[in-house]
């Protein structure tokens, strides 16, 4: 990054703690208000404790549209 943007990088890098699939499901079910099965299906597509970035965006937009 420093060589591409010619910006100095100071300080320590932030490292994320790894979470397991069950923790990811619980967090996303609570935060996105989706069913556990929807979340498990999305996580299985990504093969790990991950989701595609477009999936929460679609969920968020549909929730916003429903509330208007």
PDB file of N, CA and C in Angstrom:
ATOM      1  N   UNK A   1       0.823  -1.182   0.000  1.00  0.00           N
ATOM      2  CA  UNK A   1       0.000   0.000   0.000  1.00  0.00           C
ATOM      3  C   UNK A   1       0.870   1.250   0.000  1.00  0.00           C
ATOM      4  N   UNK A   2       1.908   1.234   0.779  1.00  0.00           N
ATOM      5  CA  UNK A   2       2.784   2.401   0.849  1.00  0.00           C
ATOM      6  C   UNK A   2       3.438   2.680  -0.496  1.00  0.00           C
ATOM      7  N   UNK A   3       3.829   1.654  -1.220  1.00  0.00           N
ATOM      8  CA  UNK A   3       4.480   1.878  -2.510  1.00  0.00           C
ATOM      9  C   UNK A   3       3.496   2.303  -3.588  1.00  0.00           C
ATOM     10  N   UNK A   4       2.240   1.898  -3.503  1.00  0.00           N
ATOM     11  CA  UNK A   4       1.239   2.296  -4.487  1.00  0.00           C
ATOM     12  C   UNK A   4       0.772   3.727  -4.295  1.00  0.00           C
ATOM     13  N   UNK A   5       0.494   4.103  -3.064  1.00  0.00           N
ATOM     14  CA  UNK A   5      -0.067   5.427  -2.787  1.00  0.00           C
ATOM     15  C   UNK A   5       0.957   6.420  -2.256  1.00  0.00           C
ATOM     16  N   UNK A   6       2.160   5.949  -1.993  1.00  0.00           N
ATOM     17  CA  UNK A   6       3.218   6.789  -1.444  1.00  0.00           C
ATOM     18  C   UNK A   6       2.791   7.429  -0.119  1.00  0.00           C
ATOM     19  N   UNK A   7       2.093   6.649   0.683  1.00  0.00           N
ATOM     20  CA  UNK A   7       1.672   7.080   2.016  1.00  0.00           C
ATOM     21  C   UNK A   7       2.428   6.264   3.050  1.00  0.00           C
ATOM     22  N   UNK A   8       2.926   6.902   4.075  1.00  0.00           N
ATOM     23  CA  UNK A   8       3.615   6.131   5.109  1.00  0.00           C
ATOM     24  C   UNK A   8       2.611   5.327   5.947  1.00  0.00           C
ATOM     25  N   UNK A   9       2.996   4.158   6.291  1.00  0.00           N
ATOM     26  CA  UNK A   9       2.160   3.320   7.151  1.00  0.00           C
ATOM     27  C   UNK A   9       2.826   3.273   8.512  1.00  0.00           C
ATOM     28  N   UNK A  10       2.119   3.764   9.518  1.00  0.00           N
ATOM     29  CA  UNK A  10       2.660   3.776  10.875  1.00  0.00           C
ATOM     30  C   UNK A  10       1.726   3.026  11.798  1.00  0.00           C
ATOM     31  N   UNK A  11       2.230   2.572  12.882  1.00  0.00           N
ATOM     32  CA  UNK A  11       1.406   1.861  13.857  1.00  0.00           C
ATOM     33  C   UNK A  11       1.312   0.386  13.534  1.00  0.00           C
ATOM     34  N   UNK A  12       0.492  -0.287  14.288  1.00  0.00           N
ATOM     35  CA  UNK A  12       0.338  -1.722  14.108  1.00  0.00           C
ATOM     36  C   UNK A  12      -0.881  -2.010  13.241  1.00  0.00           C
ATOM     37  N   UNK A  13      -0.830  -3.118  12.555  1.00  0.00           N
ATOM     38  CA  UNK A  13      -1.956  -3.555  11.739  1.00  0.00           C
ATOM     39  C   UNK A  13      -3.019  -4.166  12.641  1.00  0.00           C
ATOM     40  N   UNK A  14      -4.249  -4.034  12.228  1.00  0.00           N
ATOM     41  CA  UNK A  14      -5.336  -4.657  12.979  1.00  0.00           C
ATOM     42  C   UNK A  14      -5.509  -6.079  12.480  1.00  0.00           C
ATOM     43  N   UNK A  15      -5.563  -7.013  13.399  1.00  0.00           N
ATOM     44  CA  UNK A  15      -5.806  -8.397  13.025  1.00  0.00           C
ATOM     45  C   UNK A  15      -7.138  -8.829  13.622  1.00  0.00           C
ATOM     46  N   UNK A  16      -7.905  -9.521  12.823  1.00  0.00           N
ATOM     47  CA  UNK A  16      -9.203  -9.997  13.262  1.00  0.00           C
ATOM     48  C   UNK A  16      -9.064 -11.357  13.911  1.00  0.00           C
ATOM     49  N   UNK A  17      -9.844 -11.574  14.950  1.00  0.00           N
ATOM     50  CA  UNK A  17      -9.888 -12.892  15.565  1.00  0.00           C
ATOM     51  C   UNK A  17     -10.769 -13.786  14.703  1.00  0.00           C
ATOM     52  N   UNK A  18     -10.322 -14.985  14.480  1.00  0.00           N
ATOM     53  CA  UNK A  18     -11.109 -15.928  13.690  1.00  0.00           C
ATOM     54  C   UNK A  18     -12.348 -16.347  14.487  1.00  0.00           C
ATOM     55  N   UNK A  19     -13.460 -16.456  13.793  1.00  0.00           N
ATOM     56  CA  UNK A  19     -14.679 -16.939  14.438  1.00  0.00           C
ATOM     57  C   UNK A  19     -15.129 -18.191  13.710  1.00  0.00           C
ATOM     58  N   UNK A  20     -15.873 -19.024  14.413  1.00  0.00           N
ATOM     59  CA  UNK A  20     -16.354 -20.236  13.763  1.00  0.00           C
ATOM     60  C   UNK A  20     -17.710 -19.971  13.104  1.00  0.00           C
ATOM     61  N   UNK A  21     -18.190 -20.947  12.379  1.00  0.00           N
ATOM     62  CA  UNK A  21     -19.419 -20.797  11.605  1.00  0.00           C
ATOM     63  C   UNK A  21     -20.616 -20.504  12.503  1.00  0.00           C
ATOM     64  N   UNK A  22     -20.690 -21.160  13.648  1.00  0.00           N
ATOM     65  CA  UNK A  22     -21.834 -20.949  14.548  1.00  0.00           C
ATOM     66  C   UNK A  22     -21.887 -19.516  15.063  1.00  0.00           C
ATOM     67  N   UNK A  23     -20.733 -18.937  15.395  1.00  0.00           N
ATOM     68  CA  UNK A  23     -20.692 -17.546  15.837  1.00  0.00           C
ATOM     69  C   UNK A  23     -21.113 -16.605  14.713  1.00  0.00           C
ATOM     70  N   UNK A  24     -20.664 -16.895  13.493  1.00  0.00           N
ATOM     71  CA  UNK A  24     -21.031 -16.065  12.346  1.00  0.00           C
ATOM     72  C   UNK A  24     -22.534 -16.113  12.104  1.00  0.00           C
ATOM     73  N   UNK A  25     -23.112 -17.303  12.196  1.00  0.00           N
ATOM     74  CA  UNK A  25     -24.556 -17.451  12.010  1.00  0.00           C
ATOM     75  C   UNK A  25     -25.309 -16.651  13.073  1.00  0.00           C
ATOM     76  N   UNK A  26     -24.917 -16.803  14.325  1.00  0.00           N
ATOM     77  CA  UNK A  26     -25.598 -16.092  15.416  1.00  0.00           C
ATOM     78  C   UNK A  26     -25.535 -14.576  15.236  1.00  0.00           C
ATOM     79  N   UNK A  27     -24.365 -14.062  14.875  1.00  0.00           N
ATOM     80  CA  UNK A  27     -24.219 -12.614  14.706  1.00  0.00           C
ATOM     81  C   UNK A  27     -25.072 -12.093  13.554  1.00  0.00           C
ATOM     82  N   UNK A  28     -25.028 -12.781  12.432  1.00  0.00           N
ATOM     83  CA  UNK A  28     -25.754 -12.290  11.268  1.00  0.00           C
ATOM     84  C   UNK A  28     -27.259 -12.463  11.405  1.00  0.00           C
ATOM     85  N   UNK A  29     -27.694 -13.507  12.081  1.00  0.00           N
ATOM     86  CA  UNK A  29     -29.126 -13.676  12.339  1.00  0.00           C
ATOM     87  C   UNK A  29     -29.621 -12.543  13.223  1.00  0.00           C
ATOM     88  N   UNK A  30     -28.847 -12.198  14.232  1.00  0.00           N
ATOM     89  CA  UNK A  30     -29.231 -11.113  15.138  1.00  0.00           C
ATOM     90  C   UNK A  30     -29.173  -9.752  14.451  1.00  0.00           C
ATOM     91  N   UNK A  31     -28.115  -9.470  13.721  1.00  0.00           N
ATOM     92  CA  UNK A  31     -27.922  -8.148  13.141  1.00  0.00           C
ATOM     93  C   UNK A  31     -28.753  -7.904  11.888  1.00  0.00           C
ATOM     94  N   UNK A  32     -28.918  -8.922  11.049  1.00  0.00           N
ATOM     95  CA  UNK A  32     -29.666  -8.750   9.804  1.00  0.00           C
ATOM     96  C   UNK A  32     -31.113  -9.196   9.906  1.00  0.00           C
ATOM     97  N   UNK A  33     -31.455  -9.811  11.036  1.00  0.00           N
ATOM     98  CA  UNK A  33     -32.822 -10.298  11.272  1.00  0.00           C
ATOM     99  C   UNK A  33     -33.274 -11.247  10.167  1.00  0.00           C
ATOM    100  N   UNK A  34     -32.424 -12.187   9.824  1.00  0.00           N
ATOM    101  CA  UNK A  34     -32.757 -13.223   8.851  1.00  0.00           C
ATOM    102  C   UNK A  34     -32.910 -14.541   9.590  1.00  0.00           C
ATOM    103  N   UNK A  35     -33.475 -15.524   8.920  1.00  0.00           N
ATOM    104  CA  UNK A  35     -33.637 -16.824   9.563  1.00  0.00           C
ATOM    105  C   UNK A  35     -32.294 -17.550   9.611  1.00  0.00           C
ATOM    106  N   UNK A  36     -32.197 -18.458  10.529  1.00  0.00           N
ATOM    107  CA  UNK A  36     -30.965 -19.242  10.669  1.00  0.00           C
ATOM    108  C   UNK A  36     -30.699 -20.041   9.404  1.00  0.00           C
ATOM    109  N   UNK A  37     -31.754 -20.559   8.792  1.00  0.00           N
ATOM    110  CA  UNK A  37     -31.572 -21.353   7.575  1.00  0.00           C
ATOM    111  C   UNK A  37     -31.051 -20.509   6.422  1.00  0.00           C
ATOM    112  N   UNK A  38     -31.552 -19.282   6.270  1.00  0.00           N
ATOM    113  CA  UNK A  38     -31.038 -18.386   5.224  1.00  0.00           C
ATOM    114  C   UNK A  38     -29.543 -18.143   5.406  1.00  0.00           C
ATOM    115  N   UNK A  39     -29.167 -17.894   6.644  1.00  0.00           N
ATOM    116  CA  UNK A  39     -27.772 -17.612   6.938  1.00  0.00           C
ATOM    117  C   UNK A  39     -26.895 -18.830   6.696  1.00  0.00           C
ATOM    118  N   UNK A  40     -27.342 -19.991   7.133  1.00  0.00           N
ATOM    119  CA  UNK A  40     -26.557 -21.205   6.920  1.00  0.00           C
ATOM    120  C   UNK A  40     -26.389 -21.503   5.436  1.00  0.00           C
ATOM    121  N   UNK A  41     -27.432 -21.244   4.652  1.00  0.00           N
ATOM    122  CA  UNK A  41     -27.336 -21.460   3.212  1.00  0.00           C
ATOM    123  C   UNK A  41     -26.278 -20.546   2.595  1.00  0.00           C
ATOM    124  N   UNK A  42     -26.258 -19.289   3.006  1.00  0.00           N
ATOM    125  CA  UNK A  42     -25.273 -18.345   2.473  1.00  0.00           C
ATOM    126  C   UNK A  42     -23.860 -18.726   2.892  1.00  0.00           C
ATOM    127  N   UNK A  43     -23.688 -19.131   4.135  1.00  0.00           N
ATOM    128  CA  UNK A  43     -22.360 -19.522   4.620  1.00  0.00           C
ATOM    129  C   UNK A  43     -21.861 -20.771   3.900  1.00  0.00           C
ATOM    130  N   UNK A  44     -22.756 -21.704   3.606  1.00  0.00           N
ATOM    131  CA  UNK A  44     -22.346 -22.907   2.880  1.00  0.00           C
ATOM    132  C   UNK A  44     -21.867 -22.562   1.476  1.00  0.00           C
ATOM    133  N   UNK A  45     -22.479 -21.559   0.842  1.00  0.00           N
ATOM    134  CA  UNK A  45     -22.031 -21.132  -0.483  1.00  0.00           C
ATOM    135  C   UNK A  45     -20.604 -20.606  -0.437  1.00  0.00           C
ATOM    136  N   UNK A  46     -20.250 -19.961   0.666  1.00  0.00           N
ATOM    137  CA  UNK A  46     -18.917 -19.353   0.796  1.00  0.00           C
ATOM    138  C   UNK A  46     -17.891 -20.300   1.393  1.00  0.00           C
ATOM    139  N   UNK A  47     -18.327 -21.446   1.860  1.00  0.00           N
ATOM    140  CA  UNK A  47     -17.443 -22.478   2.419  1.00  0.00           C
ATOM    141  C   UNK A  47     -16.618 -21.977   3.602  1.00  0.00           C
ATOM    142  N   UNK A  48     -17.293 -21.438   4.590  1.00  0.00           N
ATOM    143  CA  UNK A  48     -16.600 -20.973   5.786  1.00  0.00           C
ATOM    144  C   UNK A  48     -17.447 -19.955   6.514  1.00  0.00           C
ATOM    145  N   UNK A  49     -16.877 -19.294   7.493  1.00  0.00           N
ATOM    146  CA  UNK A  49     -17.611 -18.302   8.287  1.00  0.00           C
ATOM    147  C   UNK A  49     -17.620 -16.957   7.556  1.00  0.00           C
ATOM    148  N   UNK A  50     -18.050 -16.971   6.301  1.00  0.00           N
ATOM    149  CA  UNK A  50     -18.055 -15.783   5.467  1.00  0.00           C
ATOM    150  C   UNK A  50     -19.385 -15.668   4.730  1.00  0.00           C
ATOM    151  N   UNK A  51     -19.669 -14.481   4.231  1.00  0.00           N
ATOM    152  CA  UNK A  51     -20.793 -14.269   3.320  1.00  0.00           C
ATOM    153  C   UNK A  51     -20.301 -13.374   2.190  1.00  0.00           C
ATOM    154  N   UNK A  52     -20.967 -13.448   1.044  1.00  0.00           N
ATOM    155  CA  UNK A  52     -20.652 -12.535  -0.046  1.00  0.00           C
ATOM    156  C   UNK A  52     -21.116 -11.137   0.355  1.00  0.00           C
ATOM    157  N   UNK A  53     -20.375 -10.125  -0.003  1.00  0.00           N
ATOM    158  CA  UNK A  53     -20.700  -8.756   0.372  1.00  0.00           C
ATOM    159  C   UNK A  53     -22.053  -8.317  -0.178  1.00  0.00           C
ATOM    160  N   UNK A  54     -22.433  -8.818  -1.311  1.00  0.00           N
ATOM    161  CA  UNK A  54     -23.723  -8.417  -1.898  1.00  0.00           C
ATOM    162  C   UNK A  54     -24.904  -8.926  -1.087  1.00  0.00           C
ATOM    163  N   UNK A  55     -24.751 -10.042  -0.403  1.00  0.00           N
ATOM    164  CA  UNK A  55     -25.871 -10.625   0.334  1.00  0.00           C
ATOM    165  C   UNK A  55     -26.372  -9.710   1.470  1.00  0.00           C
ATOM    166  N   UNK A  56     -25.510  -9.209   2.385  1.00  0.00           N
ATOM    167  CA  UNK A  56     -26.031  -8.300   3.412  1.00  0.00           C
ATOM    168  C   UNK A  56     -26.570  -7.002   2.815  1.00  0.00           C
ATOM    169  N   UNK A  57     -26.001  -6.557   1.714  1.00  0.00           N
ATOM    170  CA  UNK A  57     -26.477  -5.339   1.070  1.00  0.00           C
ATOM    171  C   UNK A  57     -27.908  -5.532   0.560  1.00  0.00           C
ATOM    172  N   UNK A  58     -28.181  -6.661  -0.055  1.00  0.00           N
ATOM    173  CA  UNK A  58     -29.529  -6.955  -0.543  1.00  0.00           C
ATOM    174  C   UNK A  58     -30.508  -7.059   0.627  1.00  0.00           C
ATOM    175  N   UNK A  59     -30.103  -7.716   1.693  1.00  0.00           N
ATOM    176  CA  UNK A  59     -30.947  -7.849   2.881  1.00  0.00           C
ATOM    177  C   UNK A  59     -31.250  -6.472   3.461  1.00  0.00           C
ATOM    178  N   UNK A  60     -30.230  -5.648   3.606  1.00  0.00           N
ATOM    179  CA  UNK A  60     -30.396  -4.302   4.172  1.00  0.00           C
ATOM    180  C   UNK A  60     -31.342  -3.462   3.317  1.00  0.00           C
ATOM    181  N   UNK A  61     -31.142  -3.474   2.021  1.00  0.00           N
ATOM    182  CA  UNK A  61     -32.022  -2.692   1.135  1.00  0.00           C
ATOM    183  C   UNK A  61     -33.459  -3.170   1.195  1.00  0.00           C
ATOM    184  N   UNK A  62     -33.652  -4.478   1.241  1.00  0.00           N
ATOM    185  CA  UNK A  62     -35.027  -4.989   1.299  1.00  0.00           C
ATOM    186  C   UNK A  62     -35.700  -4.618   2.620  1.00  0.00           C
ATOM    187  N   UNK A  63     -34.942  -4.613   3.711  1.00  0.00           N
ATOM    188  CA  UNK A  63     -35.484  -4.195   5.013  1.00  0.00           C
ATOM    189  C   UNK A  63     -35.845  -2.707   4.989  1.00  0.00           C
ATOM    190  N   UNK A  64     -34.977  -1.882   4.387  1.00  0.00           N
ATOM    191  CA  UNK A  64     -35.266  -0.448   4.290  1.00  0.00           C
ATOM    192  C   UNK A  64     -36.507  -0.188   3.440  1.00  0.00           C
ATOM    193  N   UNK A  65     -36.609  -0.883   2.315  1.00  0.00           N
ATOM    194  CA  UNK A  65     -37.775  -0.711   1.445  1.00  0.00           C
ATOM    195  C   UNK A  65     -39.061  -1.138   2.145  1.00  0.00           C
ATOM    196  N   UNK A  66     -38.976  -2.208   2.922  1.00  0.00           N
ATOM    197  CA  UNK A  66     -40.164  -2.702   3.634  1.00  0.00           C
ATOM    198  C   UNK A  66     -40.631  -1.722   4.720  1.00  0.00           C
ATOM    199  N   UNK A  67     -39.712  -0.988   5.305  1.00  0.00           N
ATOM    200  CA  UNK A  67     -40.078  -0.054   6.377  1.00  0.00           C
ATOM    201  C   UNK A  67     -40.602   1.267   5.846  1.00  0.00           C
ATOM    202  N   UNK A  68     -40.406   1.554   4.559  1.00  0.00           N
ATOM    203  CA  UNK A  68     -40.876   2.825   4.000  1.00  0.00           C
ATOM    204  C   UNK A  68     -42.296   2.745   3.547  1.00  0.00           C
TER     205      UNK A  68
END
